[in-house]
């Protein structure tokens, strides 16, 4: 599945899911995609920001639950 942000000539913007990029092209060429706001079937892909996952950079480890001397200055019941 592929997600596209779409827009009509009146600049109404909406999102749709397609099986693949060819599925979008086929439906757009056939006029099978309509703007939910105005019903226009002349639809284009809107500019989308990339979805960057931060691959390659390891996540920072979570902070420790207790300090070196224990929680609450040694007053924690968990230590």
PDB file of N, CA and C in Angstrom:
ATOM      1  N   UNK A   1       0.847  -1.184   0.000  1.00  0.00           N
ATOM      2  CA  UNK A   1       0.000   0.000   0.000  1.00  0.00           C
ATOM      3  C   UNK A   1       0.892   1.246   0.000  1.00  0.00           C
ATOM      4  N   UNK A   2       0.400   2.269  -0.688  1.00  0.00           N
ATOM      5  CA  UNK A   2       1.122   3.530  -0.744  1.00  0.00           C
ATOM      6  C   UNK A   2       0.149   4.672  -0.448  1.00  0.00           C
ATOM      7  N   UNK A   3       0.614   5.634   0.305  1.00  0.00           N
ATOM      8  CA  UNK A   3      -0.217   6.764   0.749  1.00  0.00           C
ATOM      9  C   UNK A   3       0.190   8.009  -0.028  1.00  0.00           C
ATOM     10  N   UNK A   4      -0.796   8.680  -0.621  1.00  0.00           N
ATOM     11  CA  UNK A   4      -0.535   9.931  -1.324  1.00  0.00           C
ATOM     12  C   UNK A   4      -1.412  11.037  -0.765  1.00  0.00           C
ATOM     13  N   UNK A   5      -0.840  12.228  -0.671  1.00  0.00           N
ATOM     14  CA  UNK A   5      -1.616  13.437  -0.429  1.00  0.00           C
ATOM     15  C   UNK A   5      -1.991  13.957  -1.803  1.00  0.00           C
ATOM     16  N   UNK A   6      -3.267  14.236  -2.007  1.00  0.00           N
ATOM     17  CA  UNK A   6      -3.770  14.646  -3.313  1.00  0.00           C
ATOM     18  C   UNK A   6      -4.412  16.017  -3.222  1.00  0.00           C
ATOM     19  N   UNK A   7      -4.595  16.661  -4.385  1.00  0.00           N
ATOM     20  CA  UNK A   7      -5.275  17.952  -4.422  1.00  0.00           C
ATOM     21  C   UNK A   7      -5.999  18.097  -5.747  1.00  0.00           C
ATOM     22  N   UNK A   8      -7.067  18.862  -5.708  1.00  0.00           N
ATOM     23  CA  UNK A   8      -7.840  19.151  -6.911  1.00  0.00           C
ATOM     24  C   UNK A   8      -7.467  20.551  -7.404  1.00  0.00           C
ATOM     25  N   UNK A   9      -7.982  20.997  -8.575  1.00  0.00           N
ATOM     26  CA  UNK A   9      -7.651  22.331  -9.077  1.00  0.00           C
ATOM     27  C   UNK A   9      -8.090  23.478  -8.150  1.00  0.00           C
ATOM     28  N   UNK A  10      -9.062  23.233  -7.266  1.00  0.00           N
ATOM     29  CA  UNK A  10      -9.485  24.258  -6.301  1.00  0.00           C
ATOM     30  C   UNK A  10      -8.613  24.253  -5.044  1.00  0.00           C
ATOM     31  N   UNK A  11      -7.544  23.462  -5.073  1.00  0.00           N
ATOM     32  CA  UNK A  11      -6.576  23.326  -3.979  1.00  0.00           C
ATOM     33  C   UNK A  11      -7.174  22.696  -2.728  1.00  0.00           C
ATOM     34  N   UNK A  12      -8.237  21.894  -2.889  1.00  0.00           N
ATOM     35  CA  UNK A  12      -8.702  21.068  -1.770  1.00  0.00           C
ATOM     36  C   UNK A  12      -7.705  19.925  -1.647  1.00  0.00           C
ATOM     37  N   UNK A  13      -7.283  19.632  -0.446  1.00  0.00           N
ATOM     38  CA  UNK A  13      -6.284  18.579  -0.213  1.00  0.00           C
ATOM     39  C   UNK A  13      -6.907  17.443   0.588  1.00  0.00           C
ATOM     40  N   UNK A  14      -6.542  16.220   0.186  1.00  0.00           N
ATOM     41  CA  UNK A  14      -7.051  15.036   0.871  1.00  0.00           C
ATOM     42  C   UNK A  14      -6.060  13.900   0.669  1.00  0.00           C
ATOM     43  N   UNK A  15      -6.180  12.859   1.463  1.00  0.00           N
ATOM     44  CA  UNK A  15      -5.273  11.710   1.428  1.00  0.00           C
ATOM     45  C   UNK A  15      -6.013  10.478   0.943  1.00  0.00           C
ATOM     46  N   UNK A  16      -5.294   9.621   0.224  1.00  0.00           N
ATOM     47  CA  UNK A  16      -5.833   8.344  -0.250  1.00  0.00           C
ATOM     48  C   UNK A  16      -4.739   7.289  -0.192  1.00  0.00           C
ATOM     49  N   UNK A  17      -5.150   6.051  -0.036  1.00  0.00           N
ATOM     50  CA  UNK A  17      -4.256   4.894  -0.082  1.00  0.00           C
ATOM     51  C   UNK A  17      -4.476   4.158  -1.396  1.00  0.00           C
ATOM     52  N   UNK A  18      -3.386   3.654  -1.993  1.00  0.00           N
ATOM     53  CA  UNK A  18      -3.442   2.899  -3.237  1.00  0.00           C
ATOM     54  C   UNK A  18      -2.610   1.640  -3.082  1.00  0.00           C
ATOM     55  N   UNK A  19      -2.923   0.625  -3.918  1.00  0.00           N
ATOM     56  CA  UNK A  19      -2.172  -0.629  -3.863  1.00  0.00           C
ATOM     57  C   UNK A  19      -0.703  -0.412  -4.207  1.00  0.00           C
ATOM     58  N   UNK A  20      -0.432   0.482  -5.170  1.00  0.00           N
ATOM     59  CA  UNK A  20       0.921   0.809  -5.593  1.00  0.00           C
ATOM     60  C   UNK A  20       0.854   2.075  -6.436  1.00  0.00           C
ATOM     61  N   UNK A  21       1.988   2.573  -6.928  1.00  0.00           N
ATOM     62  CA  UNK A  21       1.972   3.812  -7.702  1.00  0.00           C
ATOM     63  C   UNK A  21       1.228   3.638  -9.016  1.00  0.00           C
ATOM     64  N   UNK A  22       1.279   2.440  -9.607  1.00  0.00           N
ATOM     65  CA  UNK A  22       0.533   2.168 -10.834  1.00  0.00           C
ATOM     66  C   UNK A  22      -0.972   2.237 -10.617  1.00  0.00           C
ATOM     67  N   UNK A  23      -1.426   1.812  -9.449  1.00  0.00           N
ATOM     68  CA  UNK A  23      -2.849   1.870  -9.107  1.00  0.00           C
ATOM     69  C   UNK A  23      -3.316   3.328  -9.101  1.00  0.00           C
ATOM     70  N   UNK A  24      -2.511   4.214  -8.515  1.00  0.00           N
ATOM     71  CA  UNK A  24      -2.848   5.641  -8.526  1.00  0.00           C
ATOM     72  C   UNK A  24      -2.918   6.149  -9.961  1.00  0.00           C
ATOM     73  N   UNK A  25      -1.895   5.860 -10.767  1.00  0.00           N
ATOM     74  CA  UNK A  25      -1.839   6.355 -12.154  1.00  0.00           C
ATOM     75  C   UNK A  25      -3.049   5.892 -12.953  1.00  0.00           C
ATOM     76  N   UNK A  26      -3.421   4.628 -12.819  1.00  0.00           N
ATOM     77  CA  UNK A  26      -4.568   4.075 -13.549  1.00  0.00           C
ATOM     78  C   UNK A  26      -5.863   4.772 -13.145  1.00  0.00           C
ATOM     79  N   UNK A  27      -6.085   4.912 -11.843  1.00  0.00           N
ATOM     80  CA  UNK A  27      -7.315   5.536 -11.352  1.00  0.00           C
ATOM     81  C   UNK A  27      -7.372   7.020 -11.694  1.00  0.00           C
ATOM     82  N   UNK A  28      -6.243   7.715 -11.610  1.00  0.00           N
ATOM     83  CA  UNK A  28      -6.220   9.137 -11.939  1.00  0.00           C
ATOM     84  C   UNK A  28      -6.518   9.342 -13.423  1.00  0.00           C
ATOM     85  N   UNK A  29      -5.919   8.528 -14.281  1.00  0.00           N
ATOM     86  CA  UNK A  29      -6.145   8.653 -15.726  1.00  0.00           C
ATOM     87  C   UNK A  29      -7.596   8.362 -16.098  1.00  0.00           C
ATOM     88  N   UNK A  30      -8.230   7.459 -15.369  1.00  0.00           N
ATOM     89  CA  UNK A  30      -9.623   7.093 -15.643  1.00  0.00           C
ATOM     90  C   UNK A  30     -10.618   8.051 -14.993  1.00  0.00           C
ATOM     91  N   UNK A  31     -10.128   9.005 -14.209  1.00  0.00           N
ATOM     92  CA  UNK A  31     -11.026   9.920 -13.505  1.00  0.00           C
ATOM     93  C   UNK A  31     -11.769   9.250 -12.372  1.00  0.00           C
ATOM     94  N   UNK A  32     -11.177   8.189 -11.847  1.00  0.00           N
ATOM     95  CA  UNK A  32     -11.827   7.395 -10.800  1.00  0.00           C
ATOM     96  C   UNK A  32     -11.525   7.901  -9.387  1.00  0.00           C
ATOM     97  N   UNK A  33     -10.778   8.992  -9.270  1.00  0.00           N
ATOM     98  CA  UNK A  33     -10.506   9.592  -7.965  1.00  0.00           C
ATOM     99  C   UNK A  33     -11.202  10.947  -7.967  1.00  0.00           C
ATOM    100  N   UNK A  34     -12.009  11.208  -6.973  1.00  0.00           N
ATOM    101  CA  UNK A  34     -12.738  12.473  -6.909  1.00  0.00           C
ATOM    102  C   UNK A  34     -12.452  13.188  -5.603  1.00  0.00           C
ATOM    103  N   UNK A  35     -12.383  14.500  -5.684  1.00  0.00           N
ATOM    104  CA  UNK A  35     -12.198  15.331  -4.487  1.00  0.00           C
ATOM    105  C   UNK A  35     -13.431  15.194  -3.593  1.00  0.00           C
ATOM    106  N   UNK A  36     -13.245  14.868  -2.320  1.00  0.00           N
ATOM    107  CA  UNK A  36     -14.394  14.734  -1.430  1.00  0.00           C
ATOM    108  C   UNK A  36     -15.095  16.073  -1.142  1.00  0.00           C
ATOM    109  N   UNK A  37     -14.404  17.192  -1.346  1.00  0.00           N
ATOM    110  CA  UNK A  37     -15.003  18.497  -1.063  1.00  0.00           C
ATOM    111  C   UNK A  37     -15.854  19.013  -2.216  1.00  0.00           C
ATOM    112  N   UNK A  38     -15.371  18.848  -3.475  1.00  0.00           N
ATOM    113  CA  UNK A  38     -16.083  19.441  -4.605  1.00  0.00           C
ATOM    114  C   UNK A  38     -16.451  18.442  -5.702  1.00  0.00           C
ATOM    115  N   UNK A  39     -15.927  17.219  -5.623  1.00  0.00           N
ATOM    116  CA  UNK A  39     -16.258  16.195  -6.601  1.00  0.00           C
ATOM    117  C   UNK A  39     -15.443  16.239  -7.880  1.00  0.00           C
ATOM    118  N   UNK A  40     -14.517  17.189  -8.022  1.00  0.00           N
ATOM    119  CA  UNK A  40     -13.686  17.288  -9.221  1.00  0.00           C
ATOM    120  C   UNK A  40     -12.822  16.032  -9.342  1.00  0.00           C
ATOM    121  N   UNK A  41     -12.699  15.488 -10.547  1.00  0.00           N
ATOM    122  CA  UNK A  41     -11.900  14.279 -10.741  1.00  0.00           C
ATOM    123  C   UNK A  41     -10.564  14.574 -11.414  1.00  0.00           C
ATOM    124  N   UNK A  42     -10.211  15.841 -11.574  1.00  0.00           N
ATOM    125  CA  UNK A  42      -8.882  16.204 -12.072  1.00  0.00           C
ATOM    126  C   UNK A  42      -7.990  16.346 -10.833  1.00  0.00           C
ATOM    127  N   UNK A  43      -7.317  15.274 -10.502  1.00  0.00           N
ATOM    128  CA  UNK A  43      -6.568  15.172  -9.249  1.00  0.00           C
ATOM    129  C   UNK A  43      -5.077  15.052  -9.538  1.00  0.00           C
ATOM    130  N   UNK A  44      -4.274  15.728  -8.744  1.00  0.00           N
ATOM    131  CA  UNK A  44      -2.817  15.628  -8.819  1.00  0.00           C
ATOM    132  C   UNK A  44      -2.271  15.258  -7.446  1.00  0.00           C
ATOM    133  N   UNK A  45      -1.059  14.719  -7.444  1.00  0.00           N
ATOM    134  CA  UNK A  45      -0.384  14.465  -6.174  1.00  0.00           C
ATOM    135  C   UNK A  45       0.100  15.797  -5.613  1.00  0.00           C
ATOM    136  N   UNK A  46      -0.121  16.018  -4.346  1.00  0.00           N
ATOM    137  CA  UNK A  46       0.380  17.217  -3.663  1.00  0.00           C
ATOM    138  C   UNK A  46       1.806  16.937  -3.198  1.00  0.00           C
ATOM    139  N   UNK A  47       2.548  17.983  -2.962  1.00  0.00           N
ATOM    140  CA  UNK A  47       3.906  17.824  -2.444  1.00  0.00           C
ATOM    141  C   UNK A  47       3.812  17.289  -1.023  1.00  0.00           C
ATOM    142  N   UNK A  48       4.607  16.266  -0.749  1.00  0.00           N
ATOM    143  CA  UNK A  48       4.596  15.635   0.576  1.00  0.00           C
ATOM    144  C   UNK A  48       5.991  15.714   1.178  1.00  0.00           C
ATOM    145  N   UNK A  49       6.049  15.861   2.477  1.00  0.00           N
ATOM    146  CA  UNK A  49       7.324  15.790   3.181  1.00  0.00           C
ATOM    147  C   UNK A  49       7.715  14.324   3.308  1.00  0.00           C
ATOM    148  N   UNK A  50       8.989  14.009   3.157  1.00  0.00           N
ATOM    149  CA  UNK A  50       9.400  12.614   3.291  1.00  0.00           C
ATOM    150  C   UNK A  50       9.239  12.130   4.721  1.00  0.00           C
ATOM    151  N   UNK A  51       8.992  10.857   4.858  1.00  0.00           N
ATOM    152  CA  UNK A  51       8.879  10.230   6.169  1.00  0.00           C
ATOM    153  C   UNK A  51      10.243   9.641   6.515  1.00  0.00           C
ATOM    154  N   UNK A  52      11.050  10.383   7.257  1.00  0.00           N
ATOM    155  CA  UNK A  52      12.404   9.971   7.588  1.00  0.00           C
ATOM    156  C   UNK A  52      12.389   9.291   8.948  1.00  0.00           C
ATOM    157  N   UNK A  53      12.927   8.078   8.997  1.00  0.00           N
ATOM    158  CA  UNK A  53      12.876   7.312  10.229  1.00  0.00           C
ATOM    159  C   UNK A  53      14.114   7.472  11.095  1.00  0.00           C
ATOM    160  N   UNK A  54      15.136   8.130  10.594  1.00  0.00           N
ATOM    161  CA  UNK A  54      16.360   8.277  11.378  1.00  0.00           C
ATOM    162  C   UNK A  54      17.206   7.023  11.355  1.00  0.00           C
ATOM    163  N   UNK A  55      17.064   6.235  10.301  1.00  0.00           N
ATOM    164  CA  UNK A  55      17.838   4.998  10.180  1.00  0.00           C
ATOM    165  C   UNK A  55      19.322   5.322  10.212  1.00  0.00           C
ATOM    166  N   UNK A  56      20.084   4.456  10.802  1.00  0.00           N
ATOM    167  CA  UNK A  56      21.523   4.626  10.861  1.00  0.00           C
ATOM    168  C   UNK A  56      21.986   5.274  12.159  1.00  0.00           C
ATOM    169  N   UNK A  57      21.139   5.961  12.853  1.00  0.00           N
ATOM    170  CA  UNK A  57      21.501   6.592  14.115  1.00  0.00           C
ATOM    171  C   UNK A  57      20.787   5.838  15.225  1.00  0.00           C
ATOM    172  N   UNK A  58      21.522   5.179  16.098  1.00  0.00           N
ATOM    173  CA  UNK A  58      20.851   4.435  17.171  1.00  0.00           C
ATOM    174  C   UNK A  58      20.124   5.378  18.122  1.00  0.00           C
ATOM    175  N   UNK A  59      19.040   4.903  18.642  1.00  0.00           N
ATOM    176  CA  UNK A  59      18.259   5.682  19.606  1.00  0.00           C
ATOM    177  C   UNK A  59      19.031   5.807  20.909  1.00  0.00           C
ATOM    178  N   UNK A  60      18.870   6.931  21.586  1.00  0.00           N
ATOM    179  CA  UNK A  60      19.497   7.104  22.893  1.00  0.00           C
ATOM    180  C   UNK A  60      18.840   6.148  23.875  1.00  0.00           C
ATOM    181  N   UNK A  61      19.623   5.519  24.752  1.00  0.00           N
ATOM    182  CA  UNK A  61      19.024   4.622  25.735  1.00  0.00           C
ATOM    183  C   UNK A  61      18.196   5.414  26.738  1.00  0.00           C
ATOM    184  N   UNK A  62      17.168   4.797  27.297  1.00  0.00           N
ATOM    185  CA  UNK A  62      16.374   5.510  28.292  1.00  0.00           C
ATOM    186  C   UNK A  62      17.203   5.774  29.543  1.00  0.00           C
ATOM    187  N   UNK A  63      16.884   6.823  30.282  1.00  0.00           N
ATOM    188  CA  UNK A  63      17.636   7.095  31.508  1.00  0.00           C
ATOM    189  C   UNK A  63      17.365   5.998  32.537  1.00  0.00           C
ATOM    190  N   UNK A  64      18.306   5.765  33.435  1.00  0.00           N
ATOM    191  CA  UNK A  64      18.090   4.735  34.449  1.00  0.00           C
ATOM    192  C   UNK A  64      16.917   5.102  35.363  1.00  0.00           C
ATOM    193  N   UNK A  65      16.230   4.086  35.859  1.00  0.00           N
ATOM    194  CA  UNK A  65      15.082   4.310  36.730  1.00  0.00           C
ATOM    195  C   UNK A  65      15.518   4.903  38.066  1.00  0.00           C
ATOM    196  N   UNK A  66      16.674   4.533  38.551  1.00  0.00           N
ATOM    197  CA  UNK A  66      17.165   5.021  39.837  1.00  0.00           C
ATOM    198  C   UNK A  66      18.579   5.562  39.657  1.00  0.00           C
ATOM    199  N   UNK A  67      18.944   6.556  40.435  1.00  0.00           N
ATOM    200  CA  UNK A  67      20.300   7.074  40.403  1.00  0.00           C
ATOM    201  C   UNK A  67      21.259   6.085  41.043  1.00  0.00           C
ATOM    202  N   UNK A  68      22.537   6.420  41.022  1.00  0.00           N
ATOM    203  CA  UNK A  68      23.553   5.524  41.580  1.00  0.00           C
ATOM    204  C   UNK A  68      23.331   5.274  43.066  1.00  0.00           C
ATOM    205  N   UNK A  69      22.786   6.259  43.774  1.00  0.00           N
ATOM    206  CA  UNK A  69      22.566   6.068  45.210  1.00  0.00           C
ATOM    207  C   UNK A  69      21.142   5.617  45.506  1.00  0.00           C
ATOM    208  N   UNK A  70      20.389   5.263  44.474  1.00  0.00           N
ATOM    209  CA  UNK A  70      19.013   4.822  44.677  1.00  0.00           C
ATOM    210  C   UNK A  70      18.042   5.975  44.499  1.00  0.00           C
ATOM    211  N   UNK A  71      16.802   5.641  44.353  1.00  0.00           N
ATOM    212  CA  UNK A  71      15.766   6.656  44.164  1.00  0.00           C
ATOM    213  C   UNK A  71      15.582   7.463  45.440  1.00  0.00           C
ATOM    214  N   UNK A  72      15.268   8.722  45.269  1.00  0.00           N
ATOM    215  CA  UNK A  72      14.947   9.607  46.398  1.00  0.00           C
ATOM    216  C   UNK A  72      16.050   9.578  47.456  1.00  0.00           C
ATOM    217  N   UNK A  73      17.289   9.600  46.974  1.00  0.00           N
ATOM    218  CA  UNK A  73      18.408   9.644  47.921  1.00  0.00           C
ATOM    219  C   UNK A  73      18.496   8.418  48.802  1.00  0.00           C
ATOM    220  N   UNK A  74      18.117   7.267  48.290  1.00  0.00           N
ATOM    221  CA  UNK A  74      18.196   6.033  49.055  1.00  0.00           C
ATOM    222  C   UNK A  74      16.924   5.724  49.816  1.00  0.00           C
ATOM    223  N   UNK A  75      15.895   6.542  49.676  1.00  0.00           N
ATOM    224  CA  UNK A  75      14.654   6.349  50.423  1.00  0.00           C
ATOM    225  C   UNK A  75      13.616   5.543  49.630  1.00  0.00           C
ATOM    226  N   UNK A  76      13.980   5.084  48.470  1.00  0.00           N
ATOM    227  CA  UNK A  76      13.035   4.355  47.615  1.00  0.00           C
ATOM    228  C   UNK A  76      12.863   2.938  48.148  1.00  0.00           C
ATOM    229  N   UNK A  77      11.655   2.457  48.154  1.00  0.00           N
ATOM    230  CA  UNK A  77      11.373   1.102  48.613  1.00  0.00           C
ATOM    231  C   UNK A  77      11.765   0.042  47.603  1.00  0.00           C
ATOM    232  N   UNK A  78      12.151   0.460  46.381  1.00  0.00           N
ATOM    233  CA  UNK A  78      12.522  -0.518  45.351  1.00  0.00           C
ATOM    234  C   UNK A  78      13.982  -0.885  45.398  1.00  0.00           C
ATOM    235  N   UNK A  79      14.794  -0.183  46.175  1.00  0.00           N
ATOM    236  CA  UNK A  79      16.227  -0.496  46.194  1.00  0.00           C
ATOM    237  C   UNK A  79      16.587  -1.308  47.399  1.00  0.00           C
TER     238      UNK A  79
END
